[in-house]
Amino acid sequence: MYRAIMDRVIVRLCSTNDKSSLIYDEKRYRNRGVVLSVGPEVSGIKVGDEIIFHYFDDLPLEQKDIVAVREKSVLGIVDESI
């Protein structure tokens, strides 16, 4: 398991793609995932949150579906209740 440091967030990428969409792209959900760990300098994001982030700001880790991103790269938290 990974533990984030500083302003980093460790994220497990979403694996669900909506292939029924008219405009389907394999990389569409590469910028969306569930937070596994947050660094001590991160505020407003917690473990378990589903977030979206800048696509090119992720740093792949040893596992294909886990990446590290900086807090400033996070665009928002997904809230399905809205």
PDB file of N, CA and C in Angstrom:
ATOM      1  N   MET A   1       0.844  -1.186   0.000  1.00  0.00           N
ATOM      2  CA  MET A   1       0.000   0.000   0.000  1.00  0.00           C
ATOM      3  C   MET A   1       0.884   1.243   0.000  1.00  0.00           C
ATOM      4  N   TYR A   2       0.379   2.317  -0.516  1.00  0.00           N
ATOM      5  CA  TYR A   2       1.103   3.579  -0.597  1.00  0.00           C
ATOM      6  C   TYR A   2       0.560   4.555   0.438  1.00  0.00           C
ATOM      7  N   ARG A   3       1.439   5.422   0.929  1.00  0.00           N
ATOM      8  CA  ARG A   3       1.036   6.489   1.838  1.00  0.00           C
ATOM      9  C   ARG A   3       1.506   7.798   1.222  1.00  0.00           C
ATOM     10  N   ALA A   4       0.585   8.701   1.006  1.00  0.00           N
ATOM     11  CA  ALA A   4       0.900   9.989   0.379  1.00  0.00           C
ATOM     12  C   ALA A   4       1.669  10.888   1.338  1.00  0.00           C
ATOM     13  N   ILE A   5       2.520  11.739   0.776  1.00  0.00           N
ATOM     14  CA  ILE A   5       3.252  12.723   1.568  1.00  0.00           C
ATOM     15  C   ILE A   5       3.002  14.107   0.979  1.00  0.00           C
ATOM     16  N   MET A   6       3.349  15.127   1.747  1.00  0.00           N
ATOM     17  CA  MET A   6       3.231  16.521   1.348  1.00  0.00           C
ATOM     18  C   MET A   6       1.844  16.840   0.778  1.00  0.00           C
ATOM     19  N   ASP A   7       1.788  17.363  -0.449  1.00  0.00           N
ATOM     20  CA  ASP A   7       0.507  17.767  -1.046  1.00  0.00           C
ATOM     21  C   ASP A   7       0.019  16.739  -2.068  1.00  0.00           C
ATOM     22  N   ARG A   8       0.397  15.484  -1.888  1.00  0.00           N
ATOM     23  CA  ARG A   8       0.047  14.437  -2.854  1.00  0.00           C
ATOM     24  C   ARG A   8      -1.206  13.659  -2.433  1.00  0.00           C
ATOM     25  N   VAL A   9      -1.859  13.082  -3.444  1.00  0.00           N
ATOM     26  CA  VAL A   9      -3.029  12.242  -3.247  1.00  0.00           C
ATOM     27  C   VAL A   9      -2.786  10.958  -4.043  1.00  0.00           C
ATOM     28  N   ILE A  10      -2.964   9.810  -3.413  1.00  0.00           N
ATOM     29  CA  ILE A  10      -2.840   8.522  -4.087  1.00  0.00           C
ATOM     30  C   ILE A  10      -4.251   8.084  -4.496  1.00  0.00           C
ATOM     31  N   VAL A  11      -4.416   7.715  -5.778  1.00  0.00           N
ATOM     32  CA  VAL A  11      -5.739   7.465  -6.343  1.00  0.00           C
ATOM     33  C   VAL A  11      -5.766   6.132  -7.087  1.00  0.00           C
ATOM     34  N   ARG A  12      -6.832   5.349  -6.854  1.00  0.00           N
ATOM     35  CA  ARG A  12      -7.097   4.153  -7.666  1.00  0.00           C
ATOM     36  C   ARG A  12      -8.053   4.580  -8.772  1.00  0.00           C
ATOM     37  N   LEU A  13      -7.629   4.434 -10.011  1.00  0.00           N
ATOM     38  CA  LEU A  13      -8.419   4.883 -11.160  1.00  0.00           C
ATOM     39  C   LEU A  13      -9.721   4.102 -11.279  1.00  0.00           C
ATOM     40  N   CYS A  14     -10.770   4.786 -11.728  1.00  0.00           N
ATOM     41  CA  CYS A  14     -12.051   4.137 -11.988  1.00  0.00           C
ATOM     42  C   CYS A  14     -11.891   3.186 -13.160  1.00  0.00           C
ATOM     43  N   SER A  15     -12.557   2.071 -13.081  1.00  0.00           N
ATOM     44  CA  SER A  15     -12.428   1.079 -14.147  1.00  0.00           C
ATOM     45  C   SER A  15     -13.687   0.966 -14.982  1.00  0.00           C
ATOM     46  N   THR A  16     -14.693   1.756 -14.666  1.00  0.00           N
ATOM     47  CA  THR A  16     -15.939   1.673 -15.417  1.00  0.00           C
ATOM     48  C   THR A  16     -15.955   2.679 -16.538  1.00  0.00           C
ATOM     49  N   ASN A  17     -16.248   2.225 -17.723  1.00  0.00           N
ATOM     50  CA  ASN A  17     -16.396   3.098 -18.888  1.00  0.00           C
ATOM     51  C   ASN A  17     -17.820   2.982 -19.410  1.00  0.00           C
ATOM     52  N   ASP A  18     -18.381   4.086 -19.792  1.00  0.00           N
ATOM     53  CA  ASP A  18     -19.727   4.104 -20.353  1.00  0.00           C
ATOM     54  C   ASP A  18     -19.616   3.917 -21.859  1.00  0.00           C
ATOM     55  N   LYS A  19     -19.590   2.681 -22.304  1.00  0.00           N
ATOM     56  CA  LYS A  19     -19.404   2.412 -23.724  1.00  0.00           C
ATOM     57  C   LYS A  19     -20.658   2.699 -24.544  1.00  0.00           C
ATOM     58  N   SER A  20     -21.753   3.022 -23.870  1.00  0.00           N
ATOM     59  CA  SER A  20     -22.965   3.357 -24.608  1.00  0.00           C
ATOM     60  C   SER A  20     -22.924   4.799 -25.104  1.00  0.00           C
ATOM     61  N   SER A  21     -21.951   5.553 -24.635  1.00  0.00           N
ATOM     62  CA  SER A  21     -21.818   6.945 -25.051  1.00  0.00           C
ATOM     63  C   SER A  21     -21.504   7.031 -26.544  1.00  0.00           C
ATOM     64  N   LEU A  22     -22.036   8.052 -27.201  1.00  0.00           N
ATOM     65  CA  LEU A  22     -21.765   8.238 -28.619  1.00  0.00           C
ATOM     66  C   LEU A  22     -20.297   8.577 -28.862  1.00  0.00           C
ATOM     67  N   ILE A  23     -19.705   9.298 -27.931  1.00  0.00           N
ATOM     68  CA  ILE A  23     -18.294   9.659 -28.057  1.00  0.00           C
ATOM     69  C   ILE A  23     -17.539   8.869 -26.994  1.00  0.00           C
ATOM     70  N   TYR A  24     -17.106   7.673 -27.353  1.00  0.00           N
ATOM     71  CA  TYR A  24     -16.414   6.806 -26.403  1.00  0.00           C
ATOM     72  C   TYR A  24     -14.908   6.945 -26.590  1.00  0.00           C
ATOM     73  N   ASP A  25     -14.198   7.092 -25.513  1.00  0.00           N
ATOM     74  CA  ASP A  25     -12.745   7.225 -25.543  1.00  0.00           C
ATOM     75  C   ASP A  25     -12.169   6.337 -24.452  1.00  0.00           C
ATOM     76  N   GLU A  26     -11.205   5.493 -24.789  1.00  0.00           N
ATOM     77  CA  GLU A  26     -10.582   4.592 -23.816  1.00  0.00           C
ATOM     78  C   GLU A  26      -9.996   5.360 -22.633  1.00  0.00           C
ATOM     79  N   LYS A  27      -9.509   6.574 -22.848  1.00  0.00           N
ATOM     80  CA  LYS A  27      -8.861   7.338 -21.797  1.00  0.00           C
ATOM     81  C   LYS A  27      -9.834   8.236 -21.044  1.00  0.00           C
ATOM     82  N   ARG A  28     -11.101   8.113 -21.326  1.00  0.00           N
ATOM     83  CA  ARG A  28     -12.093   9.017 -20.760  1.00  0.00           C
ATOM     84  C   ARG A  28     -12.078   9.040 -19.236  1.00  0.00           C
ATOM     85  N   TYR A  29     -11.919   7.891 -18.600  1.00  0.00           N
ATOM     86  CA  TYR A  29     -11.949   7.834 -17.143  1.00  0.00           C
ATOM     87  C   TYR A  29     -10.554   7.716 -16.540  1.00  0.00           C
ATOM     88  N   ARG A  30      -9.546   8.008 -17.293  1.00  0.00           N
ATOM     89  CA  ARG A  30      -8.175   7.980 -16.780  1.00  0.00           C
ATOM     90  C   ARG A  30      -7.961   9.121 -15.790  1.00  0.00           C
ATOM     91  N   ASN A  31      -8.859  10.082 -15.759  1.00  0.00           N
ATOM     92  CA  ASN A  31      -8.718  11.219 -14.859  1.00  0.00           C
ATOM     93  C   ASN A  31      -9.725  11.195 -13.711  1.00  0.00           C
ATOM     94  N   ARG A  32     -10.221   9.997 -13.383  1.00  0.00           N
ATOM     95  CA  ARG A  32     -11.216   9.867 -12.321  1.00  0.00           C
ATOM     96  C   ARG A  32     -10.875   8.663 -11.463  1.00  0.00           C
ATOM     97  N   GLY A  33     -10.960   8.816 -10.146  1.00  0.00           N
ATOM     98  CA  GLY A  33     -10.633   7.689  -9.288  1.00  0.00           C
ATOM     99  C   GLY A  33     -11.019   7.919  -7.841  1.00  0.00           C
ATOM    100  N   VAL A  34     -10.758   6.896  -7.028  1.00  0.00           N
ATOM    101  CA  VAL A  34     -11.083   6.913  -5.607  1.00  0.00           C
ATOM    102  C   VAL A  34      -9.792   7.143  -4.816  1.00  0.00           C
ATOM    103  N   VAL A  35      -9.851   8.044  -3.858  1.00  0.00           N
ATOM    104  CA  VAL A  35      -8.682   8.403  -3.059  1.00  0.00           C
ATOM    105  C   VAL A  35      -8.342   7.286  -2.077  1.00  0.00           C
ATOM    106  N   LEU A  36      -7.079   6.843  -2.103  1.00  0.00           N
ATOM    107  CA  LEU A  36      -6.594   5.809  -1.188  1.00  0.00           C
ATOM    108  C   LEU A  36      -5.811   6.411  -0.018  1.00  0.00           C
ATOM    109  N   SER A  37      -5.123   7.527  -0.261  1.00  0.00           N
ATOM    110  CA  SER A  37      -4.298   8.152   0.768  1.00  0.00           C
ATOM    111  C   SER A  37      -4.129   9.631   0.441  1.00  0.00           C
ATOM    112  N   VAL A  38      -4.070  10.469   1.482  1.00  0.00           N
ATOM    113  CA  VAL A  38      -3.833  11.903   1.294  1.00  0.00           C
ATOM    114  C   VAL A  38      -2.657  12.335   2.152  1.00  0.00           C
ATOM    115  N   GLY A  39      -1.860  13.252   1.629  1.00  0.00           N
ATOM    116  CA  GLY A  39      -0.728  13.784   2.372  1.00  0.00           C
ATOM    117  C   GLY A  39      -1.172  14.753   3.448  1.00  0.00           C
ATOM    118  N   PRO A  40      -0.286  15.055   4.400  1.00  0.00           N
ATOM    119  CA  PRO A  40      -0.654  15.932   5.519  1.00  0.00           C
ATOM    120  C   PRO A  40      -0.948  17.377   5.123  1.00  0.00           C
ATOM    121  N   GLU A  41      -0.490  17.813   3.969  1.00  0.00           N
ATOM    122  CA  GLU A  41      -0.732  19.193   3.529  1.00  0.00           C
ATOM    123  C   GLU A  41      -2.014  19.333   2.703  1.00  0.00           C
ATOM    124  N   VAL A  42      -2.736  18.247   2.495  1.00  0.00           N
ATOM    125  CA  VAL A  42      -3.958  18.258   1.679  1.00  0.00           C
ATOM    126  C   VAL A  42      -5.151  18.594   2.563  1.00  0.00           C
ATOM    127  N   SER A  43      -5.985  19.517   2.095  1.00  0.00           N
ATOM    128  CA  SER A  43      -7.201  19.855   2.834  1.00  0.00           C
ATOM    129  C   SER A  43      -8.407  19.750   1.903  1.00  0.00           C
ATOM    130  N   GLY A  44      -9.501  19.306   2.425  1.00  0.00           N
ATOM    131  CA  GLY A  44     -10.729  19.233   1.644  1.00  0.00           C
ATOM    132  C   GLY A  44     -10.926  17.934   0.890  1.00  0.00           C
ATOM    133  N   ILE A  45      -9.945  17.068   0.878  1.00  0.00           N
ATOM    134  CA  ILE A  45     -10.051  15.768   0.212  1.00  0.00           C
ATOM    135  C   ILE A  45      -9.757  14.707   1.259  1.00  0.00           C
ATOM    136  N   LYS A  46     -10.571  13.647   1.278  1.00  0.00           N
ATOM    137  CA  LYS A  46     -10.342  12.590   2.261  1.00  0.00           C
ATOM    138  C   LYS A  46     -10.343  11.218   1.588  1.00  0.00           C
ATOM    139  N   VAL A  47      -9.826  10.243   2.285  1.00  0.00           N
ATOM    140  CA  VAL A  47      -9.797   8.866   1.780  1.00  0.00           C
ATOM    141  C   VAL A  47     -11.225   8.418   1.496  1.00  0.00           C
ATOM    142  N   GLY A  48     -11.429   7.807   0.344  1.00  0.00           N
ATOM    143  CA  GLY A  48     -12.759   7.338  -0.051  1.00  0.00           C
ATOM    144  C   GLY A  48     -13.479   8.266  -1.008  1.00  0.00           C
ATOM    145  N   ASP A  49     -13.046   9.515  -1.101  1.00  0.00           N
ATOM    146  CA  ASP A  49     -13.660  10.458  -2.042  1.00  0.00           C
ATOM    147  C   ASP A  49     -13.376  10.012  -3.471  1.00  0.00           C
ATOM    148  N   GLU A  50     -14.346  10.192  -4.348  1.00  0.00           N
ATOM    149  CA  GLU A  50     -14.113   9.987  -5.778  1.00  0.00           C
ATOM    150  C   GLU A  50     -13.819  11.359  -6.368  1.00  0.00           C
ATOM    151  N   ILE A  51     -12.675  11.477  -7.037  1.00  0.00           N
ATOM    152  CA  ILE A  51     -12.238  12.772  -7.538  1.00  0.00           C
ATOM    153  C   ILE A  51     -12.005  12.724  -9.043  1.00  0.00           C
ATOM    154  N   ILE A  52     -11.974  13.913  -9.634  1.00  0.00           N
ATOM    155  CA  ILE A  52     -11.517  14.058 -11.013  1.00  0.00           C
ATOM    156  C   ILE A  52     -10.301  14.979 -10.968  1.00  0.00           C
ATOM    157  N   PHE A  53      -9.350  14.737 -11.864  1.00  0.00           N
ATOM    158  CA  PHE A  53      -8.114  15.499 -11.849  1.00  0.00           C
ATOM    159  C   PHE A  53      -7.613  15.685 -13.270  1.00  0.00           C
ATOM    160  N   HIS A  54      -6.660  16.611 -13.453  1.00  0.00           N
ATOM    161  CA  HIS A  54      -6.057  16.840 -14.761  1.00  0.00           C
ATOM    162  C   HIS A  54      -5.466  15.551 -15.286  1.00  0.00           C
ATOM    163  N   TYR A  55      -5.773  15.214 -16.511  1.00  0.00           N
ATOM    164  CA  TYR A  55      -5.341  13.945 -17.110  1.00  0.00           C
ATOM    165  C   TYR A  55      -3.825  13.798 -17.166  1.00  0.00           C
ATOM    166  N   PHE A  56      -3.098  14.821 -17.525  1.00  0.00           N
ATOM    167  CA  PHE A  56      -1.650  14.699 -17.711  1.00  0.00           C
ATOM    168  C   PHE A  56      -0.845  14.981 -16.450  1.00  0.00           C
ATOM    169  N   ASP A  57      -1.503  15.211 -15.329  1.00  0.00           N
ATOM    170  CA  ASP A  57      -0.800  15.513 -14.087  1.00  0.00           C
ATOM    171  C   ASP A  57      -0.629  14.300 -13.181  1.00  0.00           C
ATOM    172  N   ASP A  58      -0.972  13.120 -13.645  1.00  0.00           N
ATOM    173  CA  ASP A  58      -0.842  11.940 -12.802  1.00  0.00           C
ATOM    174  C   ASP A  58       0.529  11.290 -12.972  1.00  0.00           C
ATOM    175  N   LEU A  59       1.016  10.672 -11.909  1.00  0.00           N
ATOM    176  CA  LEU A  59       2.279   9.952 -11.923  1.00  0.00           C
ATOM    177  C   LEU A  59       1.961   8.477 -11.683  1.00  0.00           C
ATOM    178  N   PRO A  60       2.120   7.625 -12.705  1.00  0.00           N
ATOM    179  CA  PRO A  60       1.801   6.208 -12.534  1.00  0.00           C
ATOM    180  C   PRO A  60       2.727   5.556 -11.510  1.00  0.00           C
ATOM    181  N   LEU A  61       2.174   4.667 -10.716  1.00  0.00           N
ATOM    182  CA  LEU A  61       2.958   3.917  -9.751  1.00  0.00           C
ATOM    183  C   LEU A  61       3.127   2.486 -10.267  1.00  0.00           C
ATOM    184  N   GLU A  62       3.630   1.593  -9.452  1.00  0.00           N
ATOM    185  CA  GLU A  62       3.926   0.230  -9.904  1.00  0.00           C
ATOM    186  C   GLU A  62       2.688  -0.500 -10.428  1.00  0.00           C
ATOM    187  N   GLN A  63       1.553  -0.287  -9.790  1.00  0.00           N
ATOM    188  CA  GLN A  63       0.313  -0.905 -10.257  1.00  0.00           C
ATOM    189  C   GLN A  63      -0.306   0.000 -11.313  1.00  0.00           C
ATOM    190  N   LYS A  64      -0.818  -0.591 -12.378  1.00  0.00           N
ATOM    191  CA  LYS A  64      -1.367   0.189 -13.496  1.00  0.00           C
ATOM    192  C   LYS A  64      -2.517   1.102 -13.100  1.00  0.00           C
ATOM    193  N   ASP A  65      -3.327   0.668 -12.151  1.00  0.00           N
ATOM    194  CA  ASP A  65      -4.535   1.426 -11.832  1.00  0.00           C
ATOM    195  C   ASP A  65      -4.366   2.382 -10.655  1.00  0.00           C
ATOM    196  N   ILE A  66      -3.140   2.601 -10.179  1.00  0.00           N
ATOM    197  CA  ILE A  66      -2.908   3.524  -9.069  1.00  0.00           C
ATOM    198  C   ILE A  66      -1.939   4.620  -9.516  1.00  0.00           C
ATOM    199  N   VAL A  67      -2.321   5.875  -9.222  1.00  0.00           N
ATOM    200  CA  VAL A  67      -1.501   7.025  -9.595  1.00  0.00           C
ATOM    201  C   VAL A  67      -1.386   7.982  -8.413  1.00  0.00           C
ATOM    202  N   ALA A  68      -0.396   8.860  -8.497  1.00  0.00           N
ATOM    203  CA  ALA A  68      -0.235   9.935  -7.520  1.00  0.00           C
ATOM    204  C   ALA A  68      -0.461  11.257  -8.245  1.00  0.00           C
ATOM    205  N   VAL A  69      -1.196  12.156  -7.612  1.00  0.00           N
ATOM    206  CA  VAL A  69      -1.430  13.487  -8.177  1.00  0.00           C
ATOM    207  C   VAL A  69      -1.229  14.533  -7.084  1.00  0.00           C
ATOM    208  N   ARG A  70      -0.889  15.735  -7.497  1.00  0.00           N
ATOM    209  CA  ARG A  70      -0.793  16.845  -6.546  1.00  0.00           C
ATOM    210  C   ARG A  70      -2.201  17.369  -6.239  1.00  0.00           C
ATOM    211  N   GLU A  71      -2.354  17.918  -5.070  1.00  0.00           N
ATOM    212  CA  GLU A  71      -3.658  18.460  -4.686  1.00  0.00           C
ATOM    213  C   GLU A  71      -4.128  19.523  -5.672  1.00  0.00           C
ATOM    214  N   LYS A  72      -3.231  20.351  -6.174  1.00  0.00           N
ATOM    215  CA  LYS A  72      -3.628  21.430  -7.089  1.00  0.00           C
ATOM    216  C   LYS A  72      -4.114  20.886  -8.437  1.00  0.00           C
ATOM    217  N   SER A  73      -3.850  19.611  -8.735  1.00  0.00           N
ATOM    218  CA  SER A  73      -4.328  18.994  -9.972  1.00  0.00           C
ATOM    219  C   SER A  73      -5.745  18.455  -9.849  1.00  0.00           C
ATOM    220  N   VAL A  74      -6.258  18.394  -8.626  1.00  0.00           N
ATOM    221  CA  VAL A  74      -7.615  17.893  -8.405  1.00  0.00           C
ATOM    222  C   VAL A  74      -8.612  18.961  -8.824  1.00  0.00           C
ATOM    223  N   LEU A  75      -9.513  18.588  -9.725  1.00  0.00           N
ATOM    224  CA  LEU A  75     -10.508  19.528 -10.240  1.00  0.00           C
ATOM    225  C   LEU A  75     -11.777  19.547  -9.406  1.00  0.00           C
ATOM    226  N   GLY A  76     -12.096  18.409  -8.782  1.00  0.00           N
ATOM    227  CA  GLY A  76     -13.312  18.358  -7.983  1.00  0.00           C
ATOM    228  C   GLY A  76     -13.559  16.988  -7.397  1.00  0.00           C
ATOM    229  N   ILE A  77     -14.537  16.944  -6.512  1.00  0.00           N
ATOM    230  CA  ILE A  77     -14.976  15.715  -5.877  1.00  0.00           C
ATOM    231  C   ILE A  77     -16.320  15.334  -6.498  1.00  0.00           C
ATOM    232  N   VAL A  78     -16.453  14.077  -6.896  1.00  0.00           N
ATOM    233  CA  VAL A  78     -17.681  13.603  -7.515  1.00  0.00           C
ATOM    234  C   VAL A  78     -18.729  13.430  -6.421  1.00  0.00           C
ATOM    235  N   ASP A  79     -19.901  14.026  -6.618  1.00  0.00           N
ATOM    236  CA  ASP A  79     -20.998  13.918  -5.659  1.00  0.00           C
ATOM    237  C   ASP A  79     -22.231  13.443  -6.411  1.00  0.00           C
ATOM    238  N   GLU A  80     -22.500  12.159  -6.308  1.00  0.00           N
ATOM    239  CA  GLU A  80     -23.625  11.545  -7.026  1.00  0.00           C
ATOM    240  C   GLU A  80     -24.986  11.981  -6.479  1.00  0.00           C
ATOM    241  N   SER A  81     -25.021  12.604  -5.291  1.00  0.00           N
ATOM    242  CA  SER A  81     -26.301  12.984  -4.700  1.00  0.00           C
ATOM    243  C   SER A  81     -26.864  14.271  -5.273  1.00  0.00           C
ATOM    244  N   ILE A  82     -26.093  14.960  -6.084  1.00  0.00           N
ATOM    245  CA  ILE A  82     -26.555  16.233  -6.646  1.00  0.00           C
ATOM    246  C   ILE A  82     -27.392  15.966  -7.879  1.00  0.00           C
TER     247      ILE A  82
END
